[in-house]
Amino acid sequence: MPVSPEYKEFLQELFETLGPIKTKSMFGVDGVFITLPDGDLMFGLIASETLYLKVDDTNRADFEAENKRPFVFESKNGKQDVKSYYELPDALYDEPDAFTDWARKSFDVALRGRKSKNKRKKER
């Protein structure tokens, strides 16, 4: 299901303190990206008008404490969890400062992931 222009505009406003974001359709969802000098960095995704943010061991417990689960999609082999993206707690949509903190942590997760990928490429 495509993401509505209204929801994308709403997210633009939410992410305003981090900087401009853009979304790109991919595999039935929209990726949420921020542009950096060395290219775009995906740190979130949107599925069915629901925002999921990037997680790792540094912030996963925050999402789990709010009873949020990973993004799930239907594949040929049944339901699949994408454990690196968790649904944003509903309360954060109304708390801009808290939202920014959670979004910044997810951005940092994505940035660390990019750095480790680049490091592995250089080691080859």
PDB file of N, CA and C in Angstrom:
ATOM      1  N   MET A   1       0.830  -1.175   0.000  1.00  0.00           N
ATOM      2  CA  MET A   1       0.000   0.000   0.000  1.00  0.00           C
ATOM      3  C   MET A   1       0.880   1.246   0.000  1.00  0.00           C
ATOM      4  N   PRO A   2       0.683   2.146  -0.948  1.00  0.00           N
ATOM      5  CA  PRO A   2       1.505   3.350  -1.008  1.00  0.00           C
ATOM      6  C   PRO A   2       1.268   4.259   0.200  1.00  0.00           C
ATOM      7  N   VAL A   3       2.286   4.990   0.568  1.00  0.00           N
ATOM      8  CA  VAL A   3       2.207   5.924   1.686  1.00  0.00           C
ATOM      9  C   VAL A   3       1.581   7.214   1.170  1.00  0.00           C
ATOM     10  N   SER A   4       0.614   7.738   1.890  1.00  0.00           N
ATOM     11  CA  SER A   4      -0.090   8.944   1.445  1.00  0.00           C
ATOM     12  C   SER A   4       0.825  10.165   1.520  1.00  0.00           C
ATOM     13  N   PRO A   5       0.598  11.127   0.627  1.00  0.00           N
ATOM     14  CA  PRO A   5       1.369  12.378   0.688  1.00  0.00           C
ATOM     15  C   PRO A   5       1.187  13.093   2.026  1.00  0.00           C
ATOM     16  N   GLU A   6       0.007  12.982   2.620  1.00  0.00           N
ATOM     17  CA  GLU A   6      -0.246  13.635   3.909  1.00  0.00           C
ATOM     18  C   GLU A   6       0.621  13.032   5.015  1.00  0.00           C
ATOM     19  N   TYR A   7       0.763  11.720   5.009  1.00  0.00           N
ATOM     20  CA  TYR A   7       1.589  11.071   6.034  1.00  0.00           C
ATOM     21  C   TYR A   7       3.062  11.440   5.841  1.00  0.00           C
ATOM     22  N   LYS A   8       3.496  11.495   4.591  1.00  0.00           N
ATOM     23  CA  LYS A   8       4.883  11.896   4.317  1.00  0.00           C
ATOM     24  C   LYS A   8       5.130  13.324   4.788  1.00  0.00           C
ATOM     25  N   GLU A   9       4.173  14.215   4.556  1.00  0.00           N
ATOM     26  CA  GLU A   9       4.309  15.602   4.997  1.00  0.00           C
ATOM     27  C   GLU A   9       4.350  15.670   6.526  1.00  0.00           C
ATOM     28  N   PHE A  10       3.502  14.891   7.176  1.00  0.00           N
ATOM     29  CA  PHE A  10       3.487  14.811   8.630  1.00  0.00           C
ATOM     30  C   PHE A  10       4.864  14.379   9.149  1.00  0.00           C
ATOM     31  N   LEU A  11       5.459  13.365   8.518  1.00  0.00           N
ATOM     32  CA  LEU A  11       6.782  12.892   8.949  1.00  0.00           C
ATOM     33  C   LEU A  11       7.858  13.945   8.694  1.00  0.00           C
ATOM     34  N   GLN A  12       7.753  14.663   7.583  1.00  0.00           N
ATOM     35  CA  GLN A  12       8.710  15.743   7.316  1.00  0.00           C
ATOM     36  C   GLN A  12       8.737  16.720   8.497  1.00  0.00           C
ATOM     37  N   GLU A  13       7.560  17.075   8.994  1.00  0.00           N
ATOM     38  CA  GLU A  13       7.473  17.988  10.128  1.00  0.00           C
ATOM     39  C   GLU A  13       8.057  17.365  11.395  1.00  0.00           C
ATOM     40  N   LEU A  14       7.765  16.088  11.642  1.00  0.00           N
ATOM     41  CA  LEU A  14       8.296  15.418  12.830  1.00  0.00           C
ATOM     42  C   LEU A  14       9.826  15.377  12.823  1.00  0.00           C
ATOM     43  N   PHE A  15      10.394  15.100  11.668  1.00  0.00           N
ATOM     44  CA  PHE A  15      11.848  14.947  11.560  1.00  0.00           C
ATOM     45  C   PHE A  15      12.577  16.273  11.373  1.00  0.00           C
ATOM     46  N   GLU A  16      11.857  17.371  11.370  1.00  0.00           N
ATOM     47  CA  GLU A  16      12.423  18.677  11.061  1.00  0.00           C
ATOM     48  C   GLU A  16      13.681  18.997  11.864  1.00  0.00           C
ATOM     49  N   THR A  17      13.716  18.625  13.140  1.00  0.00           N
ATOM     50  CA  THR A  17      14.882  18.955  13.969  1.00  0.00           C
ATOM     51  C   THR A  17      16.132  18.169  13.578  1.00  0.00           C
ATOM     52  N   LEU A  18      15.957  17.029  12.922  1.00  0.00           N
ATOM     53  CA  LEU A  18      17.118  16.257  12.452  1.00  0.00           C
ATOM     54  C   LEU A  18      17.605  16.757  11.097  1.00  0.00           C
ATOM     55  N   GLY A  19      16.722  17.377  10.369  1.00  0.00           N
ATOM     56  CA  GLY A  19      17.044  17.831   9.021  1.00  0.00           C
ATOM     57  C   GLY A  19      16.055  17.232   8.045  1.00  0.00           C
ATOM     58  N   PRO A  20      16.115  17.673   6.813  1.00  0.00           N
ATOM     59  CA  PRO A  20      15.152  17.175   5.830  1.00  0.00           C
ATOM     60  C   PRO A  20      15.339  15.684   5.558  1.00  0.00           C
ATOM     61  N   ILE A  21      14.221  15.002   5.510  1.00  0.00           N
ATOM     62  CA  ILE A  21      14.251  13.582   5.158  1.00  0.00           C
ATOM     63  C   ILE A  21      13.638  13.428   3.784  1.00  0.00           C
ATOM     64  N   LYS A  22      13.860  12.281   3.204  1.00  0.00           N
ATOM     65  CA  LYS A  22      13.150  11.927   1.979  1.00  0.00           C
ATOM     66  C   LYS A  22      12.761  10.472   2.082  1.00  0.00           C
ATOM     67  N   THR A  23      11.756  10.118   1.341  1.00  0.00           N
ATOM     68  CA  THR A  23      11.302   8.739   1.328  1.00  0.00           C
ATOM     69  C   THR A  23      11.440   8.190  -0.072  1.00  0.00           C
ATOM     70  N   LYS A  24      11.718   6.895  -0.141  1.00  0.00           N
ATOM     71  CA  LYS A  24      11.848   6.211  -1.426  1.00  0.00           C
ATOM     72  C   LYS A  24      11.086   4.898  -1.346  1.00  0.00           C
ATOM     73  N   SER A  25      10.254   4.657  -2.336  1.00  0.00           N
ATOM     74  CA  SER A  25       9.521   3.395  -2.392  1.00  0.00           C
ATOM     75  C   SER A  25      10.466   2.263  -2.743  1.00  0.00           C
ATOM     76  N   MET A  26      10.317   1.144  -2.022  1.00  0.00           N
ATOM     77  CA  MET A  26      11.166  -0.012  -2.265  1.00  0.00           C
ATOM     78  C   MET A  26      10.517  -1.256  -1.668  1.00  0.00           C
ATOM     79  N   PHE A  27      10.323  -2.266  -2.464  1.00  0.00           N
ATOM     80  CA  PHE A  27       9.821  -3.557  -1.995  1.00  0.00           C
ATOM     81  C   PHE A  27       8.523  -3.465  -1.196  1.00  0.00           C
ATOM     82  N   GLY A  28       7.615  -2.580  -1.595  1.00  0.00           N
ATOM     83  CA  GLY A  28       6.327  -2.478  -0.935  1.00  0.00           C
ATOM     84  C   GLY A  28       6.288  -1.603   0.302  1.00  0.00           C
ATOM     85  N   VAL A  29       7.409  -1.007   0.675  1.00  0.00           N
ATOM     86  CA  VAL A  29       7.473  -0.063   1.789  1.00  0.00           C
ATOM     87  C   VAL A  29       8.193   1.185   1.302  1.00  0.00           C
ATOM     88  N   ASP A  30       8.233   2.198   2.132  1.00  0.00           N
ATOM     89  CA  ASP A  30       9.027   3.387   1.822  1.00  0.00           C
ATOM     90  C   ASP A  30      10.167   3.476   2.823  1.00  0.00           C
ATOM     91  N   GLY A  31      11.376   3.642   2.329  1.00  0.00           N
ATOM     92  CA  GLY A  31      12.508   3.874   3.205  1.00  0.00           C
ATOM     93  C   GLY A  31      12.540   5.336   3.608  1.00  0.00           C
ATOM     94  N   VAL A  32      12.999   5.621   4.816  1.00  0.00           N
ATOM     95  CA  VAL A  32      13.158   6.994   5.304  1.00  0.00           C
ATOM     96  C   VAL A  32      14.657   7.276   5.326  1.00  0.00           C
ATOM     97  N   PHE A  33      15.060   8.303   4.588  1.00  0.00           N
ATOM     98  CA  PHE A  33      16.469   8.615   4.399  1.00  0.00           C
ATOM     99  C   PHE A  33      16.776  10.042   4.814  1.00  0.00           C
ATOM    100  N   ILE A  34      18.015  10.237   5.245  1.00  0.00           N
ATOM    101  CA  ILE A  34      18.555  11.572   5.442  1.00  0.00           C
ATOM    102  C   ILE A  34      19.793  11.655   4.551  1.00  0.00           C
ATOM    103  N   THR A  35      20.000  12.797   3.935  1.00  0.00           N
ATOM    104  CA  THR A  35      21.123  12.959   3.020  1.00  0.00           C
ATOM    105  C   THR A  35      22.356  13.436   3.779  1.00  0.00           C
ATOM    106  N   LEU A  36      23.440  12.702   3.599  1.00  0.00           N
ATOM    107  CA  LEU A  36      24.734  13.037   4.188  1.00  0.00           C
ATOM    108  C   LEU A  36      25.702  13.367   3.058  1.00  0.00           C
ATOM    109  N   PRO A  37      26.833  13.969   3.360  1.00  0.00           N
ATOM    110  CA  PRO A  37      27.789  14.308   2.293  1.00  0.00           C
ATOM    111  C   PRO A  37      28.219  13.111   1.440  1.00  0.00           C
ATOM    112  N   ASP A  38      28.255  11.911   2.043  1.00  0.00           N
ATOM    113  CA  ASP A  38      28.685  10.732   1.282  1.00  0.00           C
ATOM    114  C   ASP A  38      27.517   9.882   0.793  1.00  0.00           C
ATOM    115  N   GLY A  39      26.311  10.437   0.805  1.00  0.00           N
ATOM    116  CA  GLY A  39      25.156   9.714   0.263  1.00  0.00           C
ATOM    117  C   GLY A  39      24.013   9.618   1.248  1.00  0.00           C
ATOM    118  N   ASP A  40      22.926   9.035   0.783  1.00  0.00           N
ATOM    119  CA  ASP A  40      21.737   8.888   1.619  1.00  0.00           C
ATOM    120  C   ASP A  40      21.909   7.764   2.633  1.00  0.00           C
ATOM    121  N   LEU A  41      21.325   7.964   3.805  1.00  0.00           N
ATOM    122  CA  LEU A  41      21.389   6.982   4.879  1.00  0.00           C
ATOM    123  C   LEU A  41      19.965   6.636   5.303  1.00  0.00           C
ATOM    124  N   MET A  42      19.600   5.357   5.197  1.00  0.00           N
ATOM    125  CA  MET A  42      18.280   4.909   5.602  1.00  0.00           C
ATOM    126  C   MET A  42      18.291   4.580   7.089  1.00  0.00           C
ATOM    127  N   PHE A  43      17.367   5.192   7.833  1.00  0.00           N
ATOM    128  CA  PHE A  43      17.280   4.920   9.261  1.00  0.00           C
ATOM    129  C   PHE A  43      15.850   4.649   9.707  1.00  0.00           C
ATOM    130  N   GLY A  44      14.949   4.520   8.762  1.00  0.00           N
ATOM    131  CA  GLY A  44      13.569   4.203   9.089  1.00  0.00           C
ATOM    132  C   GLY A  44      12.858   3.651   7.878  1.00  0.00           C
ATOM    133  N   LEU A  45      11.662   3.132   8.101  1.00  0.00           N
ATOM    134  CA  LEU A  45      10.825   2.695   6.989  1.00  0.00           C
ATOM    135  C   LEU A  45       9.374   2.902   7.357  1.00  0.00           C
ATOM    136  N   ILE A  46       8.562   3.025   6.329  1.00  0.00           N
ATOM    137  CA  ILE A  46       7.132   3.238   6.507  1.00  0.00           C
ATOM    138  C   ILE A  46       6.402   2.111   5.802  1.00  0.00           C
ATOM    139  N   ALA A  47       5.494   1.474   6.523  1.00  0.00           N
ATOM    140  CA  ALA A  47       4.645   0.435   5.953  1.00  0.00           C
ATOM    141  C   ALA A  47       3.239   0.651   6.487  1.00  0.00           C
ATOM    142  N   SER A  48       2.284   0.708   5.595  1.00  0.00           N
ATOM    143  CA  SER A  48       0.880   0.901   5.989  1.00  0.00           C
ATOM    144  C   SER A  48       0.708   2.094   6.927  1.00  0.00           C
ATOM    145  N   GLU A  49       1.334   3.218   6.571  1.00  0.00           N
ATOM    146  CA  GLU A  49       1.218   4.459   7.351  1.00  0.00           C
ATOM    147  C   GLU A  49       1.710   4.287   8.792  1.00  0.00           C
ATOM    148  N   THR A  50       2.677   3.391   8.982  1.00  0.00           N
ATOM    149  CA  THR A  50       3.292   3.158  10.281  1.00  0.00           C
ATOM    150  C   THR A  50       4.793   3.353  10.139  1.00  0.00           C
ATOM    151  N   LEU A  51       5.377   4.111  11.059  1.00  0.00           N
ATOM    152  CA  LEU A  51       6.805   4.390  11.029  1.00  0.00           C
ATOM    153  C   LEU A  51       7.559   3.376  11.878  1.00  0.00           C
ATOM    154  N   TYR A  52       8.623   2.836  11.313  1.00  0.00           N
ATOM    155  CA  TYR A  52       9.539   1.928  12.005  1.00  0.00           C
ATOM    156  C   TYR A  52      10.921   2.578  11.971  1.00  0.00           C
ATOM    157  N   LEU A  53      11.635   2.514  13.090  1.00  0.00           N
ATOM    158  CA  LEU A  53      12.970   3.094  13.167  1.00  0.00           C
ATOM    159  C   LEU A  53      14.021   2.009  13.354  1.00  0.00           C
ATOM    160  N   LYS A  54      15.225   2.316  12.902  1.00  0.00           N
ATOM    161  CA  LYS A  54      16.360   1.402  12.952  1.00  0.00           C
ATOM    162  C   LYS A  54      16.759   1.130  14.399  1.00  0.00           C
ATOM    163  N   VAL A  55      17.030  -0.133  14.718  1.00  0.00           N
ATOM    164  CA  VAL A  55      17.438  -0.511  16.068  1.00  0.00           C
ATOM    165  C   VAL A  55      18.670  -1.418  16.031  1.00  0.00           C
ATOM    166  N   ASP A  56      19.354  -1.432  17.141  1.00  0.00           N
ATOM    167  CA  ASP A  56      20.395  -2.420  17.420  1.00  0.00           C
ATOM    168  C   ASP A  56      20.396  -2.629  18.928  1.00  0.00           C
ATOM    169  N   ASP A  57      21.442  -3.200  19.455  1.00  0.00           N
ATOM    170  CA  ASP A  57      21.475  -3.495  20.888  1.00  0.00           C
ATOM    171  C   ASP A  57      21.471  -2.246  21.764  1.00  0.00           C
ATOM    172  N   THR A  58      21.772  -1.081  21.193  1.00  0.00           N
ATOM    173  CA  THR A  58      21.817   0.145  21.995  1.00  0.00           C
ATOM    174  C   THR A  58      20.444   0.759  22.247  1.00  0.00           C
ATOM    175  N   ASN A  59      19.455   0.473  21.391  1.00  0.00           N
ATOM    176  CA  ASN A  59      18.140   1.099  21.578  1.00  0.00           C
ATOM    177  C   ASN A  59      16.955   0.135  21.474  1.00  0.00           C
ATOM    178  N   ARG A  60      17.199  -1.128  21.173  1.00  0.00           N
ATOM    179  CA  ARG A  60      16.103  -2.106  21.032  1.00  0.00           C
ATOM    180  C   ARG A  60      15.268  -2.213  22.311  1.00  0.00           C
ATOM    181  N   ALA A  61      15.919  -2.177  23.464  1.00  0.00           N
ATOM    182  CA  ALA A  61      15.207  -2.307  24.737  1.00  0.00           C
ATOM    183  C   ALA A  61      14.200  -1.178  24.945  1.00  0.00           C
ATOM    184  N   ASP A  62      14.496   0.015  24.416  1.00  0.00           N
ATOM    185  CA  ASP A  62      13.549   1.134  24.523  1.00  0.00           C
ATOM    186  C   ASP A  62      12.233   0.782  23.832  1.00  0.00           C
ATOM    187  N   PHE A  63      12.327   0.200  22.647  1.00  0.00           N
ATOM    188  CA  PHE A  63      11.134  -0.181  21.892  1.00  0.00           C
ATOM    189  C   PHE A  63      10.404  -1.341  22.571  1.00  0.00           C
ATOM    190  N   GLU A  64      11.164  -2.314  23.029  1.00  0.00           N
ATOM    191  CA  GLU A  64      10.557  -3.467  23.687  1.00  0.00           C
ATOM    192  C   GLU A  64       9.874  -3.071  24.994  1.00  0.00           C
ATOM    193  N   ALA A  65      10.427  -2.092  25.708  1.00  0.00           N
ATOM    194  CA  ALA A  65       9.806  -1.608  26.947  1.00  0.00           C
ATOM    195  C   ALA A  65       8.438  -0.980  26.670  1.00  0.00           C
ATOM    196  N   GLU A  66       8.238  -0.512  25.451  1.00  0.00           N
ATOM    197  CA  GLU A  66       6.958   0.076  25.037  1.00  0.00           C
ATOM    198  C   GLU A  66       6.075  -0.962  24.326  1.00  0.00           C
ATOM    199  N   ASN A  67       6.478  -2.238  24.421  1.00  0.00           N
ATOM    200  CA  ASN A  67       5.749  -3.350  23.787  1.00  0.00           C
ATOM    201  C   ASN A  67       5.656  -3.214  22.267  1.00  0.00           C
ATOM    202  N   LYS A  68       6.683  -2.651  21.669  1.00  0.00           N
ATOM    203  CA  LYS A  68       6.740  -2.539  20.212  1.00  0.00           C
ATOM    204  C   LYS A  68       7.557  -3.696  19.657  1.00  0.00           C
ATOM    205  N   ARG A  69       7.209  -4.105  18.490  1.00  0.00           N
ATOM    206  CA  ARG A  69       7.801  -5.281  17.858  1.00  0.00           C
ATOM    207  C   ARG A  69       8.456  -4.900  16.535  1.00  0.00           C
ATOM    208  N   PRO A  70       9.233  -5.819  15.976  1.00  0.00           N
ATOM    209  CA  PRO A  70       9.873  -5.539  14.696  1.00  0.00           C
ATOM    210  C   PRO A  70       8.875  -5.512  13.539  1.00  0.00           C
ATOM    211  N   PHE A  71       9.320  -4.886  12.479  1.00  0.00           N
ATOM    212  CA  PHE A  71       8.559  -4.865  11.232  1.00  0.00           C
ATOM    213  C   PHE A  71       8.418  -6.302  10.732  1.00  0.00           C
ATOM    214  N   VAL A  72       7.231  -6.658  10.274  1.00  0.00           N
ATOM    215  CA  VAL A  72       6.955  -7.999   9.754  1.00  0.00           C
ATOM    216  C   VAL A  72       6.384  -7.860   8.353  1.00  0.00           C
ATOM    217  N   PHE A  73       6.867  -8.696   7.438  1.00  0.00           N
ATOM    218  CA  PHE A  73       6.302  -8.698   6.090  1.00  0.00           C
ATOM    219  C   PHE A  73       6.014 -10.128   5.674  1.00  0.00           C
ATOM    220  N   GLU A  74       5.151 -10.254   4.704  1.00  0.00           N
ATOM    221  CA  GLU A  74       4.741 -11.560   4.184  1.00  0.00           C
ATOM    222  C   GLU A  74       5.633 -11.905   2.986  1.00  0.00           C
ATOM    223  N   SER A  75       6.276 -13.055   3.049  1.00  0.00           N
ATOM    224  CA  SER A  75       7.098 -13.522   1.924  1.00  0.00           C
ATOM    225  C   SER A  75       6.540 -14.851   1.429  1.00  0.00           C
ATOM    226  N   LYS A  76       7.171 -15.390   0.421  1.00  0.00           N
ATOM    227  CA  LYS A  76       6.756 -16.703  -0.092  1.00  0.00           C
ATOM    228  C   LYS A  76       6.845 -17.782   0.984  1.00  0.00           C
ATOM    229  N   ASN A  77       7.752 -17.585   1.930  1.00  0.00           N
ATOM    230  CA  ASN A  77       7.980 -18.559   2.993  1.00  0.00           C
ATOM    231  C   ASN A  77       7.209 -18.254   4.274  1.00  0.00           C
ATOM    232  N   GLY A  78       6.248 -17.344   4.200  1.00  0.00           N
ATOM    233  CA  GLY A  78       5.482 -16.973   5.387  1.00  0.00           C
ATOM    234  C   GLY A  78       5.912 -15.626   5.921  1.00  0.00           C
ATOM    235  N   LYS A  79       5.508 -15.338   7.145  1.00  0.00           N
ATOM    236  CA  LYS A  79       5.841 -14.054   7.756  1.00  0.00           C
ATOM    237  C   LYS A  79       7.316 -14.013   8.143  1.00  0.00           C
ATOM    238  N   GLN A  80       7.914 -12.851   7.899  1.00  0.00           N
ATOM    239  CA  GLN A  80       9.326 -12.640   8.204  1.00  0.00           C
ATOM    240  C   GLN A  80       9.477 -11.394   9.062  1.00  0.00           C
ATOM    241  N   ASP A  81      10.231 -11.499  10.149  1.00  0.00           N
ATOM    242  CA  ASP A  81      10.547 -10.339  10.979  1.00  0.00           C
ATOM    243  C   ASP A  81      11.785  -9.647  10.419  1.00  0.00           C
ATOM    244  N   VAL A  82      11.757  -8.330  10.451  1.00  0.00           N
ATOM    245  CA  VAL A  82      12.946  -7.539  10.140  1.00  0.00           C
ATOM    246  C   VAL A  82      13.366  -6.920  11.467  1.00  0.00           C
ATOM    247  N   LYS A  83      14.219  -7.626  12.176  1.00  0.00           N
ATOM    248  CA  LYS A  83      14.546  -7.268  13.550  1.00  0.00           C
ATOM    249  C   LYS A  83      15.372  -5.994  13.690  1.00  0.00           C
ATOM    250  N   SER A  84      15.758  -5.385  12.583  1.00  0.00           N
ATOM    251  CA  SER A  84      16.522  -4.152  12.669  1.00  0.00           C
ATOM    252  C   SER A  84      15.648  -2.907  12.570  1.00  0.00           C
ATOM    253  N   TYR A  85      14.325  -3.076  12.457  1.00  0.00           N
ATOM    254  CA  TYR A  85      13.385  -1.947  12.423  1.00  0.00           C
ATOM    255  C   TYR A  85      12.203  -2.258  13.331  1.00  0.00           C
ATOM    256  N   TYR A  86      11.936  -1.349  14.286  1.00  0.00           N
ATOM    257  CA  TYR A  86      10.831  -1.521  15.229  1.00  0.00           C
ATOM    258  C   TYR A  86       9.844  -0.364  15.087  1.00  0.00           C
ATOM    259  N   GLU A  87       8.580  -0.672  15.374  1.00  0.00           N
ATOM    260  CA  GLU A  87       7.523   0.328  15.284  1.00  0.00           C
ATOM    261  C   GLU A  87       7.709   1.422  16.329  1.00  0.00           C
ATOM    262  N   LEU A  88       7.480   2.654  15.913  1.00  0.00           N
ATOM    263  CA  LEU A  88       7.572   3.795  16.817  1.00  0.00           C
ATOM    264  C   LEU A  88       6.403   3.781  17.796  1.00  0.00           C
ATOM    265  N   PRO A  89       6.661   3.976  19.094  1.00  0.00           N
ATOM    266  CA  PRO A  89       5.559   4.069  20.056  1.00  0.00           C
ATOM    267  C   PRO A  89       4.635   5.246  19.721  1.00  0.00           C
ATOM    268  N   ASP A  90       3.340   5.022  19.814  1.00  0.00           N
ATOM    269  CA  ASP A  90       2.342   6.035  19.446  1.00  0.00           C
ATOM    270  C   ASP A  90       2.510   7.345  20.203  1.00  0.00           C
ATOM    271  N   ALA A  91       2.850   7.279  21.478  1.00  0.00           N
ATOM    272  CA  ALA A  91       2.963   8.490  22.296  1.00  0.00           C
ATOM    273  C   ALA A  91       3.985   9.475  21.744  1.00  0.00           C
ATOM    274  N   LEU A  92       4.988   8.981  21.021  1.00  0.00           N
ATOM    275  CA  LEU A  92       6.050   9.860  20.524  1.00  0.00           C
ATOM    276  C   LEU A  92       5.586  10.787  19.410  1.00  0.00           C
ATOM    277  N   TYR A  93       4.491  10.454  18.757  1.00  0.00           N
ATOM    278  CA  TYR A  93       3.962  11.342  17.712  1.00  0.00           C
ATOM    279  C   TYR A  93       3.512  12.677  18.312  1.00  0.00           C
ATOM    280  N   ASP A  94       3.177  12.686  19.591  1.00  0.00           N
ATOM    281  CA  ASP A  94       2.706  13.896  20.254  1.00  0.00           C
ATOM    282  C   ASP A  94       3.747  14.522  21.167  1.00  0.00           C
ATOM    283  N   GLU A  95       4.952  13.973  21.177  1.00  0.00           N
ATOM    284  CA  GLU A  95       6.021  14.478  22.042  1.00  0.00           C
ATOM    285  C   GLU A  95       7.265  14.760  21.188  1.00  0.00           C
ATOM    286  N   PRO A  96       7.332  15.938  20.578  1.00  0.00           N
ATOM    287  CA  PRO A  96       8.408  16.232  19.629  1.00  0.00           C
ATOM    288  C   PRO A  96       9.824  16.043  20.173  1.00  0.00           C
ATOM    289  N   ASP A  97      10.063  16.451  21.418  1.00  0.00           N
ATOM    290  CA  ASP A  97      11.416  16.308  21.975  1.00  0.00           C
ATOM    291  C   ASP A  97      11.790  14.839  22.150  1.00  0.00           C
ATOM    292  N   ALA A  98      10.870  14.063  22.679  1.00  0.00           N
ATOM    293  CA  ALA A  98      11.124  12.627  22.851  1.00  0.00           C
ATOM    294  C   ALA A  98      11.262  11.957  21.488  1.00  0.00           C
ATOM    295  N   PHE A  99      10.414  12.341  20.542  1.00  0.00           N
ATOM    296  CA  PHE A  99      10.520  11.782  19.190  1.00  0.00           C
ATOM    297  C   PHE A  99      11.905  12.039  18.621  1.00  0.00           C
ATOM    298  N   THR A 100      12.385  13.259  18.760  1.00  0.00           N
ATOM    299  CA  THR A 100      13.705  13.615  18.229  1.00  0.00           C
ATOM    300  C   THR A 100      14.792  12.768  18.868  1.00  0.00           C
ATOM    301  N   ASP A 101      14.717  12.532  20.169  1.00  0.00           N
ATOM    302  CA  ASP A 101      15.709  11.685  20.843  1.00  0.00           C
ATOM    303  C   ASP A 101      15.714  10.275  20.263  1.00  0.00           C
ATOM    304  N   TRP A 102      14.528   9.679  20.090  1.00  0.00           N
ATOM    305  CA  TRP A 102      14.435   8.322  19.551  1.00  0.00           C
ATOM    306  C   TRP A 102      14.918   8.295  18.104  1.00  0.00           C
ATOM    307  N   ALA A 103      14.537   9.285  17.321  1.00  0.00           N
ATOM    308  CA  ALA A 103      14.948   9.340  15.914  1.00  0.00           C
ATOM    309  C   ALA A 103      16.462   9.506  15.811  1.00  0.00           C
ATOM    310  N   ARG A 104      17.037  10.341  16.660  1.00  0.00           N
ATOM    311  CA  ARG A 104      18.490  10.556  16.634  1.00  0.00           C
ATOM    312  C   ARG A 104      19.233   9.256  16.985  1.00  0.00           C
ATOM    313  N   LYS A 105      18.707   8.506  17.960  1.00  0.00           N
ATOM    314  CA  LYS A 105      19.330   7.224  18.314  1.00  0.00           C
ATOM    315  C   LYS A 105      19.287   6.262  17.119  1.00  0.00           C
ATOM    316  N   SER A 106      18.166   6.246  16.402  1.00  0.00           N
ATOM    317  CA  SER A 106      18.048   5.364  15.232  1.00  0.00           C
ATOM    318  C   SER A 106      18.970   5.817  14.111  1.00  0.00           C
ATOM    319  N   PHE A 107      19.103   7.124  13.946  1.00  0.00           N
ATOM    320  CA  PHE A 107      20.054   7.661  12.974  1.00  0.00           C
ATOM    321  C   PHE A 107      21.472   7.201  13.335  1.00  0.00           C
ATOM    322  N   ASP A 108      21.824   7.285  14.625  1.00  0.00           N
ATOM    323  CA  ASP A 108      23.154   6.855  15.078  1.00  0.00           C
ATOM    324  C   ASP A 108      23.372   5.360  14.817  1.00  0.00           C
ATOM    325  N   VAL A 109      22.332   4.554  15.021  1.00  0.00           N
ATOM    326  CA  VAL A 109      22.425   3.110  14.734  1.00  0.00           C
ATOM    327  C   VAL A 109      22.758   2.907  13.256  1.00  0.00           C
ATOM    328  N   ALA A 110      22.029   3.599  12.391  1.00  0.00           N
ATOM    329  CA  ALA A 110      22.256   3.458  10.945  1.00  0.00           C
ATOM    330  C   ALA A 110      23.650   3.944  10.561  1.00  0.00           C
ATOM    331  N   LEU A 111      24.088   5.026  11.170  1.00  0.00           N
ATOM    332  CA  LEU A 111      25.410   5.569  10.875  1.00  0.00           C
ATOM    333  C   LEU A 111      26.507   4.595  11.307  1.00  0.00           C
ATOM    334  N   ARG A 112      26.364   3.996  12.482  1.00  0.00           N
ATOM    335  CA  ARG A 112      27.357   2.999  12.921  1.00  0.00           C
ATOM    336  C   ARG A 112      27.375   1.805  11.969  1.00  0.00           C
ATOM    337  N   GLY A 113      26.199   1.395  11.525  1.00  0.00           N
ATOM    338  CA  GLY A 113      26.123   0.282  10.580  1.00  0.00           C
ATOM    339  C   GLY A 113      26.817   0.595   9.270  1.00  0.00           C
ATOM    340  N   ARG A 114      26.657   1.822   8.802  1.00  0.00           N
ATOM    341  CA  ARG A 114      27.318   2.234   7.560  1.00  0.00           C
ATOM    342  C   ARG A 114      28.821   2.234   7.737  1.00  0.00           C
ATOM    343  N   LYS A 115      29.295   2.755   8.863  1.00  0.00           N
ATOM    344  CA  LYS A 115      30.734   2.813   9.114  1.00  0.00           C
ATOM    345  C   LYS A 115      31.330   1.416   9.177  1.00  0.00           C
ATOM    346  N   SER A 116      30.636   0.469   9.811  1.00  0.00           N
ATOM    347  CA  SER A 116      31.185  -0.886   9.904  1.00  0.00           C
ATOM    348  C   SER A 116      31.168  -1.564   8.533  1.00  0.00           C
ATOM    349  N   LYS A 117      30.169  -1.285   7.701  1.00  0.00           N
ATOM    350  CA  LYS A 117      30.152  -1.830   6.340  1.00  0.00           C
ATOM    351  C   LYS A 117      31.313  -1.277   5.533  1.00  0.00           C
ATOM    352  N   ASN A 118      31.535   0.043   5.627  1.00  0.00           N
ATOM    353  CA  ASN A 118      32.643   0.658   4.891  1.00  0.00           C
ATOM    354  C   ASN A 118      33.981   0.124   5.364  1.00  0.00           C
ATOM    355  N   LYS A 119      34.119  -0.114   6.653  1.00  0.00           N
ATOM    356  CA  LYS A 119      35.363  -0.652   7.206  1.00  0.00           C
ATOM    357  C   LYS A 119      35.616  -2.062   6.665  1.00  0.00           C
ATOM    358  N   ARG A 120      34.563  -2.894   6.608  1.00  0.00           N
ATOM    359  CA  ARG A 120      34.717  -4.249   6.079  1.00  0.00           C
ATOM    360  C   ARG A 120      35.112  -4.215   4.613  1.00  0.00           C
ATOM    361  N   LYS A 121      34.541  -3.277   3.847  1.00  0.00           N
ATOM    362  CA  LYS A 121      34.887  -3.171   2.420  1.00  0.00           C
ATOM    363  C   LYS A 121      36.366  -2.826   2.243  1.00  0.00           C
ATOM    364  N   LYS A 122      36.864  -1.906   3.082  1.00  0.00           N
ATOM    365  CA  LYS A 122      38.259  -1.479   2.988  1.00  0.00           C
ATOM    366  C   LYS A 122      39.223  -2.593   3.356  1.00  0.00           C
ATOM    367  N   GLU A 123      38.783  -3.496   4.258  1.00  0.00           N
ATOM    368  CA  GLU A 123      39.635  -4.588   4.701  1.00  0.00           C
ATOM    369  C   GLU A 123      39.782  -5.675   3.649  1.00  0.00           C
ATOM    370  N   ARG A 124      38.910  -5.714   2.674  1.00  0.00           N
ATOM    371  CA  ARG A 124      38.961  -6.768   1.642  1.00  0.00           C
ATOM    372  C   ARG A 124      40.059  -6.561   0.688  1.00  0.00           C
TER     373      ARG A 124
END
